[in-house]
Amino acid sequence: MNDMTPDKIKDLLESAIKSNTSAWVAQSKYFDDLVKRNVASFAALTDSRVESLKKISESKTFNEAFEANVAYEETVRSALQNLYEENKKSWEVLQSELKTIYAPASGDKAADTAAPKKKEKAA
Protein backbone atom coordinates (compact mmCIF):
# COMPACT_ATOMS: atom_id res chain seq x y z
CA MET A 1 0.00 0.00 0.00
CA ASN A 2 2.30 2.71 1.25
CA ASP A 3 5.85 2.40 -0.04
CA MET A 4 7.13 5.42 1.93
CA THR A 5 9.97 4.11 4.01
CA PRO A 6 12.27 6.20 6.19
CA ASP A 7 15.01 5.78 3.58
CA LYS A 8 12.69 6.99 0.80
CA ILE A 9 11.66 10.02 2.89
CA LYS A 10 15.32 10.77 3.59
CA ASP A 11 16.11 10.56 -0.15
CA LEU A 12 13.20 12.87 -0.98
CA LEU A 13 14.34 15.43 1.59
CA GLU A 14 17.95 15.28 0.38
CA SER A 15 16.74 15.74 -3.20
CA ALA A 16 14.63 18.75 -2.18
CA ILE A 17 17.56 20.29 -0.31
CA LYS A 18 19.85 19.77 -3.30
CA SER A 19 17.29 21.28 -5.70
CA ASN A 20 16.63 24.30 -3.49
CA THR A 21 20.36 24.90 -2.99
CA SER A 22 20.97 24.72 -6.74
CA ALA A 23 18.07 27.10 -7.38
CA TRP A 24 19.40 29.53 -4.75
CA VAL A 25 22.83 29.52 -6.41
CA ALA A 26 21.33 30.09 -9.88
CA GLN A 27 19.08 32.91 -8.67
CA SER A 28 21.87 34.56 -6.69
CA LYS A 29 24.15 34.49 -9.73
CA TYR A 30 21.36 35.93 -11.90
CA PHE A 31 20.68 38.85 -9.56
CA ASP A 32 24.37 39.51 -8.94
CA ASP A 33 25.04 39.64 -12.69
CA LEU A 34 21.91 41.76 -13.24
CA VAL A 35 23.09 44.38 -10.78
CA LYS A 36 26.60 44.38 -12.27
CA ARG A 37 25.25 44.78 -15.82
CA ASN A 38 22.89 47.58 -14.84
CA VAL A 39 25.51 49.46 -12.82
CA ALA A 40 28.09 49.16 -15.61
CA SER A 41 25.57 50.32 -18.19
CA PHE A 42 24.47 53.35 -16.20
CA ALA A 43 28.06 54.24 -15.34
CA ALA A 44 28.88 54.22 -19.05
CA LEU A 45 25.81 56.35 -19.75
CA THR A 46 26.90 58.80 -17.06
CA ASP A 47 30.33 59.10 -18.68
CA SER A 48 28.69 59.60 -22.07
CA ARG A 49 26.48 62.33 -20.66
CA VAL A 50 29.43 64.15 -19.11
CA GLU A 51 31.22 64.03 -22.47
CA SER A 52 28.14 65.25 -24.32
CA LEU A 53 27.73 68.15 -21.91
CA LYS A 54 31.38 69.09 -22.48
CA LYS A 55 30.77 69.08 -26.24
CA ILE A 56 27.63 71.15 -25.78
CA SER A 57 29.45 73.71 -23.66
CA GLU A 58 32.28 73.92 -26.21
CA SER A 59 29.88 74.32 -29.13
CA LYS A 60 30.09 77.52 -31.13
CA THR A 61 26.62 77.24 -32.63
CA PHE A 62 23.23 76.00 -31.60
CA ASN A 63 23.40 73.29 -34.29
CA GLU A 64 26.64 71.88 -32.86
CA ALA A 65 25.11 71.76 -29.41
CA PHE A 66 21.95 70.17 -30.76
CA GLU A 67 23.93 67.53 -32.68
CA ALA A 68 25.95 66.70 -29.57
CA ASN A 69 22.74 66.12 -27.63
CA VAL A 70 21.22 64.03 -30.43
CA ALA A 71 24.37 61.87 -30.49
CA TYR A 72 24.03 61.32 -26.75
CA GLU A 73 20.37 60.36 -27.14
CA GLU A 74 21.35 57.77 -29.78
CA THR A 75 23.98 56.41 -27.39
CA VAL A 76 21.36 56.10 -24.65
CA ARG A 77 18.87 54.39 -26.95
CA SER A 78 21.50 51.90 -28.14
CA ALA A 79 22.88 51.22 -24.65
CA LEU A 80 19.45 50.64 -23.16
CA GLN A 81 18.47 48.33 -26.02
CA ASN A 82 21.66 46.31 -25.48
CA LEU A 83 21.04 46.20 -21.73
CA TYR A 84 17.49 45.00 -22.33
CA GLU A 85 18.69 42.23 -24.65
CA GLU A 86 21.40 41.09 -22.22
CA ASN A 87 18.96 41.07 -19.30
CA LYS A 88 16.39 39.19 -21.34
CA LYS A 89 18.94 36.51 -22.33
CA SER A 90 20.06 36.21 -18.71
CA TRP A 91 16.43 35.79 -17.59
CA GLU A 92 15.87 33.05 -20.16
CA VAL A 93 19.01 31.24 -18.98
CA LEU A 94 17.77 31.43 -15.37
CA GLN A 95 14.36 30.08 -16.35
CA SER A 96 15.99 27.21 -18.22
CA GLU A 97 18.22 26.39 -15.25
CA LEU A 98 15.28 26.41 -12.86
CA LYS A 99 13.23 24.17 -15.16
CA THR A 100 16.14 21.74 -15.25
CA ILE A 101 16.60 21.87 -11.47
CA TYR A 102 12.94 21.30 -10.71
CA ALA A 103 12.17 18.82 -13.51
CA PRO A 104 10.67 15.64 -12.08
CA ALA A 105 12.77 12.51 -12.45
CA SER A 106 11.52 10.17 -15.13
CA GLY A 107 9.48 7.37 -13.63
CA ASP A 108 8.67 9.42 -10.53
CA LYS A 109 5.15 8.24 -9.76
CA ALA A 110 4.44 11.06 -7.31
CA ALA A 111 5.49 13.70 -9.84
CA ASP A 112 3.59 11.98 -12.64
CA THR A 113 0.35 11.92 -10.65
CA ALA A 114 0.84 15.45 -9.28
CA ALA A 115 1.43 16.98 -12.71
CA PRO A 116 -1.74 18.48 -14.17
CA LYS A 117 -3.07 16.66 -17.18
CA LYS A 118 -3.53 18.65 -20.38
CA LYS A 119 -7.09 18.86 -21.54
CA GLU A 120 -7.68 17.37 -24.93
CA LYS A 121 -9.75 19.30 -27.41
CA ALA A 122 -13.07 17.82 -28.33
CA ALA A 123 -13.13 16.54 -31.88
C-alpha atoms as a PDB file:
ATOM      1  CA  MET A   1       0.000   0.000   0.000  1.00  0.00           C
ATOM      2  CA  ASN A   2       2.300   2.709   1.248  1.00  0.00           C
ATOM      3  CA  ASP A   3       5.847   2.404  -0.039  1.00  0.00           C
ATOM      4  CA  MET A   4       7.129   5.419   1.930  1.00  0.00           C
ATOM      5  CA  THR A   5       9.970   4.108   4.011  1.00  0.00           C
ATOM      6  CA  PRO A   6      12.271   6.199   6.192  1.00  0.00           C
ATOM      7  CA  ASP A   7      15.006   5.781   3.576  1.00  0.00           C
ATOM      8  CA  LYS A   8      12.687   6.994   0.802  1.00  0.00           C
ATOM      9  CA  ILE A   9      11.660  10.022   2.885  1.00  0.00           C
ATOM     10  CA  LYS A  10      15.322  10.767   3.590  1.00  0.00           C
ATOM     11  CA  ASP A  11      16.110  10.557  -0.153  1.00  0.00           C
ATOM     12  CA  LEU A  12      13.202  12.865  -0.982  1.00  0.00           C
ATOM     13  CA  LEU A  13      14.338  15.431   1.587  1.00  0.00           C
ATOM     14  CA  GLU A  14      17.945  15.277   0.379  1.00  0.00           C
ATOM     15  CA  SER A  15      16.744  15.741  -3.201  1.00  0.00           C
ATOM     16  CA  ALA A  16      14.633  18.747  -2.182  1.00  0.00           C
ATOM     17  CA  ILE A  17      17.563  20.294  -0.306  1.00  0.00           C
ATOM     18  CA  LYS A  18      19.845  19.774  -3.299  1.00  0.00           C
ATOM     19  CA  SER A  19      17.293  21.281  -5.697  1.00  0.00           C
ATOM     20  CA  ASN A  20      16.634  24.296  -3.485  1.00  0.00           C
ATOM     21  CA  THR A  21      20.356  24.903  -2.986  1.00  0.00           C
ATOM     22  CA  SER A  22      20.971  24.721  -6.743  1.00  0.00           C
ATOM     23  CA  ALA A  23      18.067  27.102  -7.376  1.00  0.00           C
ATOM     24  CA  TRP A  24      19.398  29.525  -4.747  1.00  0.00           C
ATOM     25  CA  VAL A  25      22.831  29.520  -6.409  1.00  0.00           C
ATOM     26  CA  ALA A  26      21.334  30.088  -9.883  1.00  0.00           C
ATOM     27  CA  GLN A  27      19.076  32.910  -8.673  1.00  0.00           C
ATOM     28  CA  SER A  28      21.870  34.560  -6.694  1.00  0.00           C
ATOM     29  CA  LYS A  29      24.145  34.488  -9.730  1.00  0.00           C
ATOM     30  CA  TYR A  30      21.362  35.926 -11.905  1.00  0.00           C
ATOM     31  CA  PHE A  31      20.683  38.847  -9.561  1.00  0.00           C
ATOM     32  CA  ASP A  32      24.373  39.512  -8.941  1.00  0.00           C
ATOM     33  CA  ASP A  33      25.037  39.635 -12.689  1.00  0.00           C
ATOM     34  CA  LEU A  34      21.909  41.756 -13.245  1.00  0.00           C
ATOM     35  CA  VAL A  35      23.089  44.379 -10.778  1.00  0.00           C
ATOM     36  CA  LYS A  36      26.596  44.379 -12.270  1.00  0.00           C
ATOM     37  CA  ARG A  37      25.249  44.780 -15.820  1.00  0.00           C
ATOM     38  CA  ASN A  38      22.892  47.582 -14.842  1.00  0.00           C
ATOM     39  CA  VAL A  39      25.508  49.464 -12.823  1.00  0.00           C
ATOM     40  CA  ALA A  40      28.086  49.163 -15.615  1.00  0.00           C
ATOM     41  CA  SER A  41      25.573  50.324 -18.194  1.00  0.00           C
ATOM     42  CA  PHE A  42      24.465  53.354 -16.202  1.00  0.00           C
ATOM     43  CA  ALA A  43      28.062  54.243 -15.335  1.00  0.00           C
ATOM     44  CA  ALA A  44      28.877  54.221 -19.054  1.00  0.00           C
ATOM     45  CA  LEU A  45      25.806  56.348 -19.750  1.00  0.00           C
ATOM     46  CA  THR A  46      26.900  58.805 -17.064  1.00  0.00           C
ATOM     47  CA  ASP A  47      30.330  59.097 -18.676  1.00  0.00           C
ATOM     48  CA  SER A  48      28.691  59.601 -22.072  1.00  0.00           C
ATOM     49  CA  ARG A  49      26.483  62.326 -20.657  1.00  0.00           C
ATOM     50  CA  VAL A  50      29.426  64.146 -19.113  1.00  0.00           C
ATOM     51  CA  GLU A  51      31.219  64.033 -22.473  1.00  0.00           C
ATOM     52  CA  SER A  52      28.140  65.253 -24.321  1.00  0.00           C
ATOM     53  CA  LEU A  53      27.733  68.151 -21.905  1.00  0.00           C
ATOM     54  CA  LYS A  54      31.377  69.094 -22.485  1.00  0.00           C
ATOM     55  CA  LYS A  55      30.770  69.076 -26.242  1.00  0.00           C
ATOM     56  CA  ILE A  56      27.625  71.145 -25.782  1.00  0.00           C
ATOM     57  CA  SER A  57      29.454  73.713 -23.657  1.00  0.00           C
ATOM     58  CA  GLU A  58      32.277  73.925 -26.214  1.00  0.00           C
ATOM     59  CA  SER A  59      29.876  74.317 -29.135  1.00  0.00           C
ATOM     60  CA  LYS A  60      30.094  77.520 -31.132  1.00  0.00           C
ATOM     61  CA  THR A  61      26.616  77.243 -32.629  1.00  0.00           C
ATOM     62  CA  PHE A  62      23.228  76.000 -31.602  1.00  0.00           C
ATOM     63  CA  ASN A  63      23.397  73.293 -34.294  1.00  0.00           C
ATOM     64  CA  GLU A  64      26.641  71.883 -32.865  1.00  0.00           C
ATOM     65  CA  ALA A  65      25.105  71.758 -29.409  1.00  0.00           C
ATOM     66  CA  PHE A  66      21.945  70.169 -30.757  1.00  0.00           C
ATOM     67  CA  GLU A  67      23.929  67.527 -32.683  1.00  0.00           C
ATOM     68  CA  ALA A  68      25.951  66.697 -29.570  1.00  0.00           C
ATOM     69  CA  ASN A  69      22.738  66.123 -27.634  1.00  0.00           C
ATOM     70  CA  VAL A  70      21.224  64.028 -30.434  1.00  0.00           C
ATOM     71  CA  ALA A  71      24.370  61.870 -30.493  1.00  0.00           C
ATOM     72  CA  TYR A  72      24.029  61.319 -26.749  1.00  0.00           C
ATOM     73  CA  GLU A  73      20.372  60.356 -27.142  1.00  0.00           C
ATOM     74  CA  GLU A  74      21.346  57.774 -29.779  1.00  0.00           C
ATOM     75  CA  THR A  75      23.975  56.415 -27.392  1.00  0.00           C
ATOM     76  CA  VAL A  76      21.361  56.102 -24.650  1.00  0.00           C
ATOM     77  CA  ARG A  77      18.868  54.391 -26.946  1.00  0.00           C
ATOM     78  CA  SER A  78      21.496  51.896 -28.144  1.00  0.00           C
ATOM     79  CA  ALA A  79      22.883  51.223 -24.649  1.00  0.00           C
ATOM     80  CA  LEU A  80      19.446  50.638 -23.160  1.00  0.00           C
ATOM     81  CA  GLN A  81      18.466  48.329 -26.018  1.00  0.00           C
ATOM     82  CA  ASN A  82      21.660  46.311 -25.483  1.00  0.00           C
ATOM     83  CA  LEU A  83      21.040  46.201 -21.732  1.00  0.00           C
ATOM     84  CA  TYR A  84      17.493  44.999 -22.331  1.00  0.00           C
ATOM     85  CA  GLU A  85      18.692  42.227 -24.649  1.00  0.00           C
ATOM     86  CA  GLU A  86      21.399  41.094 -22.223  1.00  0.00           C
ATOM     87  CA  ASN A  87      18.960  41.074 -19.298  1.00  0.00           C
ATOM     88  CA  LYS A  88      16.386  39.186 -21.342  1.00  0.00           C
ATOM     89  CA  LYS A  89      18.944  36.508 -22.328  1.00  0.00           C
ATOM     90  CA  SER A  90      20.057  36.206 -18.715  1.00  0.00           C
ATOM     91  CA  TRP A  91      16.434  35.795 -17.592  1.00  0.00           C
ATOM     92  CA  GLU A  92      15.871  33.055 -20.165  1.00  0.00           C
ATOM     93  CA  VAL A  93      19.014  31.236 -18.979  1.00  0.00           C
ATOM     94  CA  LEU A  94      17.770  31.429 -15.374  1.00  0.00           C
ATOM     95  CA  GLN A  95      14.359  30.078 -16.352  1.00  0.00           C
ATOM     96  CA  SER A  96      15.992  27.207 -18.221  1.00  0.00           C
ATOM     97  CA  GLU A  97      18.221  26.388 -15.253  1.00  0.00           C
ATOM     98  CA  LEU A  98      15.278  26.412 -12.857  1.00  0.00           C
ATOM     99  CA  LYS A  99      13.233  24.173 -15.160  1.00  0.00           C
ATOM    100  CA  THR A 100      16.138  21.740 -15.248  1.00  0.00           C
ATOM    101  CA  ILE A 101      16.603  21.867 -11.474  1.00  0.00           C
ATOM    102  CA  TYR A 102      12.939  21.300 -10.709  1.00  0.00           C
ATOM    103  CA  ALA A 103      12.171  18.821 -13.507  1.00  0.00           C
ATOM    104  CA  PRO A 104      10.675  15.637 -12.081  1.00  0.00           C
ATOM    105  CA  ALA A 105      12.769  12.514 -12.453  1.00  0.00           C
ATOM    106  CA  SER A 106      11.519  10.172 -15.132  1.00  0.00           C
ATOM    107  CA  GLY A 107       9.484   7.372 -13.635  1.00  0.00           C
ATOM    108  CA  ASP A 108       8.672   9.419 -10.530  1.00  0.00           C
ATOM    109  CA  LYS A 109       5.146   8.240  -9.762  1.00  0.00           C
ATOM    110  CA  ALA A 110       4.439  11.058  -7.307  1.00  0.00           C
ATOM    111  CA  ALA A 111       5.487  13.698  -9.837  1.00  0.00           C
ATOM    112  CA  ASP A 112       3.587  11.982 -12.642  1.00  0.00           C
ATOM    113  CA  THR A 113       0.350  11.918 -10.647  1.00  0.00           C
ATOM    114  CA  ALA A 114       0.837  15.453  -9.282  1.00  0.00           C
ATOM    115  CA  ALA A 115       1.427  16.983 -12.715  1.00  0.00           C
ATOM    116  CA  PRO A 116      -1.736  18.479 -14.174  1.00  0.00           C
ATOM    117  CA  LYS A 117      -3.073  16.656 -17.177  1.00  0.00           C
ATOM    118  CA  LYS A 118      -3.530  18.651 -20.384  1.00  0.00           C
ATOM    119  CA  LYS A 119      -7.086  18.863 -21.543  1.00  0.00           C
ATOM    120  CA  GLU A 120      -7.676  17.367 -24.929  1.00  0.00           C
ATOM    121  CA  LYS A 121      -9.753  19.302 -27.413  1.00  0.00           C
ATOM    122  CA  ALA A 122     -13.075  17.820 -28.327  1.00  0.00           C
ATOM    123  CA  ALA A 123     -13.132  16.537 -31.881  1.00  0.00           C
END
